[in-house]
Amino acid sequence: MPAPSPVKNLFEYTSRKLPEMISALRRFVVCESPSLEKAAADRCCGVLASEWKKRNVRVERLARRDRGDLLRITWWPHKSLPQGQLLVLGHYDTVYATGTLAKMPFRVNGGKAYGPGTFDMKAGIVQALFALDALQKSGRPVRKRVVFLWTSDEEIGSEASRKLIEVEAKRSAFTHADTERVPKPQLRAERLARPP
């Protein structure tokens, strides 16, 4: 009998976790995080950091003076040195000003979630969180360190995070990014991680 597909296993795992995923998404969305409001963005960064700290990962909150703090999460389950890194890049800032929730509250209706920043891109952060859970529980061998970088200024051009994005992208054999604003030549998203 053939082994179950890793994709099927991931789908089954995340399907069982859907209530937890929606709960995490709700916590992220109701913590408003406008790009131009540092205090609000920093509160959201703290909520995200708390959720990631529940996993066996290294969580670094990187302070910014004028924008929300950045969040860098690193997972490497071994004691030996990794053979490079994979980067998952995204953002938690939104185009919506504080107070938008009063007019556009978080809700789930007809199998879809709504609210400021739900699709772009707090749901993506939730997906990454639970994909990491699934990977950790799978026991599958991992050769590369996995880095998640969540920025606070993507919606306004990534000026405060650009340098770190470029550094992490250059370190990475593969980068997955959700955005058109990051410097494409640096990201090399088209290149798949190569086996050693």
Protein backbone atom coordinates (compact mmCIF):
# COMPACT_ATOMS: atom_id res chain seq x y z
CA MET A 1 0.00 0.00 0.00
CA PRO A 2 1.52 3.38 -0.98
CA ALA A 3 2.29 5.95 1.70
CA PRO A 4 -0.28 8.74 2.09
CA SER A 5 0.47 11.89 0.12
CA PRO A 6 2.09 14.68 2.19
CA VAL A 7 -0.33 17.13 0.53
CA LYS A 8 -3.32 15.00 1.50
CA ASN A 9 -1.97 14.71 5.04
CA LEU A 10 -1.53 18.50 5.20
CA PHE A 11 -5.07 19.05 3.93
CA GLU A 12 -6.48 16.59 6.48
CA TYR A 13 -4.43 18.14 9.29
CA THR A 14 -5.45 21.72 8.50
CA SER A 15 -9.09 20.69 7.99
CA ARG A 16 -9.16 19.34 11.54
CA LYS A 17 -7.49 22.54 12.76
CA LEU A 18 -9.89 24.90 10.97
CA PRO A 19 -11.67 26.08 14.15
CA GLU A 20 -8.29 26.92 15.73
CA MET A 21 -7.19 28.65 12.52
CA ILE A 22 -10.32 30.81 12.46
CA SER A 23 -9.82 31.65 16.12
CA ALA A 24 -6.22 32.76 15.44
CA LEU A 25 -7.38 34.76 12.42
CA ARG A 26 -9.99 36.50 14.55
CA ARG A 27 -7.33 37.47 17.14
CA PHE A 28 -5.08 38.85 14.38
CA VAL A 29 -7.81 40.79 12.55
CA VAL A 30 -9.41 42.40 15.61
CA CYS A 31 -5.97 43.73 16.53
CA GLU A 32 -5.93 46.51 13.96
CA SER A 33 -2.55 47.27 12.39
CA PRO A 34 -2.54 50.29 10.06
CA SER A 35 0.79 50.87 8.31
CA LEU A 36 0.97 54.49 9.48
CA GLU A 37 0.04 53.92 13.14
CA LYS A 38 3.08 52.53 14.97
CA ALA A 39 1.39 51.95 18.35
CA ALA A 40 -1.45 49.95 16.78
CA ALA A 41 0.92 48.00 14.53
CA ASP A 42 3.16 47.21 17.51
CA ARG A 43 0.16 45.84 19.46
CA CYS A 44 -0.60 43.53 16.54
CA CYS A 45 3.06 42.49 16.33
CA GLY A 46 2.81 41.50 20.00
CA VAL A 47 -0.29 39.39 19.34
CA LEU A 48 1.47 37.63 16.45
CA ALA A 49 4.62 37.08 18.51
CA SER A 50 2.58 35.52 21.34
CA GLU A 51 1.01 33.04 18.93
CA TRP A 52 4.35 32.04 17.37
CA LYS A 53 5.97 31.66 20.81
CA LYS A 54 3.60 28.74 21.47
CA ARG A 55 5.63 26.76 18.91
CA ASN A 56 9.16 25.46 19.28
CA VAL A 57 10.64 28.42 17.37
CA ARG A 58 12.89 31.41 17.94
CA VAL A 59 10.87 34.64 17.89
CA GLU A 60 12.67 37.96 17.39
CA ARG A 61 10.86 41.26 17.54
CA LEU A 62 12.90 43.83 15.61
CA ALA A 63 12.12 47.36 16.74
CA ARG A 64 11.55 50.14 14.22
CA ARG A 65 11.47 53.82 15.12
CA ASP A 66 8.65 55.12 12.92
CA ARG A 67 6.83 51.97 11.79
CA GLY A 68 5.56 48.87 13.50
CA ASP A 69 8.15 46.36 14.70
CA LEU A 70 9.15 43.51 12.40
CA LEU A 71 8.81 39.88 13.43
CA ARG A 72 11.40 37.24 12.49
CA ILE A 73 10.62 33.64 13.39
CA THR A 74 13.23 30.92 12.91
CA TRP A 75 12.69 27.17 13.05
CA TRP A 76 15.51 24.69 12.87
CA PRO A 77 14.80 21.44 14.75
CA HIS A 78 18.35 20.04 14.71
CA LYS A 79 21.54 20.67 16.63
CA SER A 80 23.68 20.57 13.49
CA LEU A 81 24.10 23.52 11.12
CA PRO A 82 21.35 23.88 8.50
CA GLN A 83 22.10 23.60 4.79
CA GLY A 84 20.79 27.08 4.00
CA GLN A 85 17.40 28.59 4.64
CA LEU A 86 13.91 28.97 3.22
CA LEU A 87 12.17 32.32 3.65
CA VAL A 88 8.44 32.91 4.00
CA LEU A 89 7.85 36.64 3.65
CA GLY A 90 4.66 38.52 4.41
CA HIS A 91 3.19 41.47 6.27
CA TYR A 92 0.70 42.22 8.99
CA ASP A 93 0.05 45.89 8.24
CA THR A 94 -3.19 46.96 6.58
CA VAL A 95 -4.48 49.93 4.60
CA TYR A 96 -7.30 50.41 7.11
CA ALA A 97 -7.15 53.10 9.83
CA THR A 98 -7.82 52.24 13.46
CA GLY A 99 -11.56 52.16 14.03
CA THR A 100 -12.43 50.42 10.74
CA LEU A 101 -13.57 47.34 12.70
CA ALA A 102 -16.60 49.31 13.89
CA LYS A 103 -17.82 49.53 10.28
CA MET A 104 -16.26 46.33 8.97
CA PRO A 105 -16.17 43.78 11.84
CA PHE A 106 -14.51 40.40 11.63
CA ARG A 107 -17.02 37.76 10.68
CA VAL A 108 -17.26 34.38 9.00
CA ASN A 109 -20.18 33.93 6.62
CA GLY A 110 -20.78 31.31 3.96
CA GLY A 111 -17.37 29.75 4.49
CA LYS A 112 -15.54 33.07 4.02
CA ALA A 113 -13.86 35.33 6.58
CA TYR A 114 -14.20 39.10 6.40
CA GLY A 115 -12.59 42.05 8.16
CA PRO A 116 -9.74 44.52 7.73
CA GLY A 117 -6.58 42.71 6.67
CA THR A 118 -8.20 39.27 6.61
CA PHE A 119 -7.19 38.39 3.06
CA ASP A 120 -4.19 40.73 2.76
CA MET A 121 -2.59 39.09 4.62
CA LYS A 122 -3.41 37.95 8.11
CA ALA A 123 -4.97 34.73 6.80
CA GLY A 124 -1.63 34.01 5.11
CA ILE A 125 0.13 34.35 8.47
CA VAL A 126 -2.37 31.89 9.97
CA GLN A 127 -1.73 29.48 7.09
CA ALA A 128 2.02 29.70 7.68
CA LEU A 129 1.54 29.14 11.41
CA PHE A 130 -0.46 25.95 10.91
CA ALA A 131 1.70 24.73 8.02
CA LEU A 132 4.64 24.93 10.43
CA ASP A 133 2.62 22.98 13.02
CA ALA A 134 1.95 20.29 10.43
CA LEU A 135 5.60 20.18 9.37
CA GLN A 136 6.75 19.91 12.98
CA LYS A 137 4.31 17.07 13.68
CA SER A 138 5.09 15.24 10.43
CA GLY A 139 8.53 14.11 11.49
CA ARG A 140 9.75 14.67 7.93
CA PRO A 141 13.43 15.51 7.62
CA VAL A 142 14.20 19.19 7.13
CA ARG A 143 17.57 20.21 5.68
CA LYS A 144 17.12 23.97 5.71
CA ARG A 145 16.30 26.48 8.41
CA VAL A 146 12.84 28.00 7.91
CA VAL A 147 12.54 31.76 8.48
CA PHE A 148 9.24 33.63 8.59
CA LEU A 149 9.56 37.39 8.26
CA TRP A 150 6.44 39.48 8.94
CA THR A 151 6.80 43.18 8.12
CA SER A 152 4.77 46.21 9.13
CA ASP A 153 5.10 48.51 6.12
CA GLU A 154 4.35 46.52 2.96
CA GLU A 155 1.24 48.53 2.19
CA ILE A 156 3.31 51.72 2.02
CA GLY A 157 6.31 50.46 0.08
CA SER A 158 8.43 48.48 2.58
CA GLU A 159 10.88 51.32 3.19
CA ALA A 160 11.55 50.42 6.85
CA SER A 161 11.84 46.68 6.14
CA ARG A 162 13.50 46.63 2.71
CA LYS A 163 17.09 46.18 3.93
CA LEU A 164 16.17 43.20 6.14
CA ILE A 165 14.05 41.67 3.36
CA GLU A 166 17.03 41.87 1.01
CA VAL A 167 19.43 40.37 3.57
CA GLU A 168 17.11 37.45 4.33
CA ALA A 169 16.34 36.86 0.65
CA LYS A 170 20.04 36.69 -0.21
CA ARG A 171 20.52 34.05 2.52
CA SER A 172 17.66 31.95 1.18
CA ALA A 173 17.62 29.15 -1.36
CA PHE A 174 13.91 29.83 -1.86
CA THR A 175 11.65 32.71 -0.90
CA HIS A 176 7.87 32.71 -0.85
CA ALA A 177 6.43 36.22 -0.87
CA ASP A 178 2.88 37.46 -1.20
CA THR A 179 3.64 40.84 -2.62
CA GLU A 180 4.62 42.72 -5.74
CA ARG A 181 6.46 45.46 -3.82
CA VAL A 182 9.50 43.50 -2.70
CA PRO A 183 12.67 43.68 -4.84
CA LYS A 184 12.16 40.77 -7.23
CA PRO A 185 15.81 40.17 -8.19
CA GLN A 186 16.63 39.72 -4.52
CA LEU A 187 13.88 37.24 -3.84
CA ARG A 188 14.66 34.60 -6.46
CA ALA A 189 11.23 33.11 -5.84
CA GLU A 190 11.43 31.25 -9.13
CA ARG A 191 14.37 29.14 -7.92
CA LEU A 192 13.49 26.00 -6.03
CA ALA A 193 15.59 24.81 -3.13
CA ARG A 194 18.20 22.44 -4.45
CA PRO A 195 19.14 19.24 -2.64
CA PRO A 196 22.75 19.14 -1.36
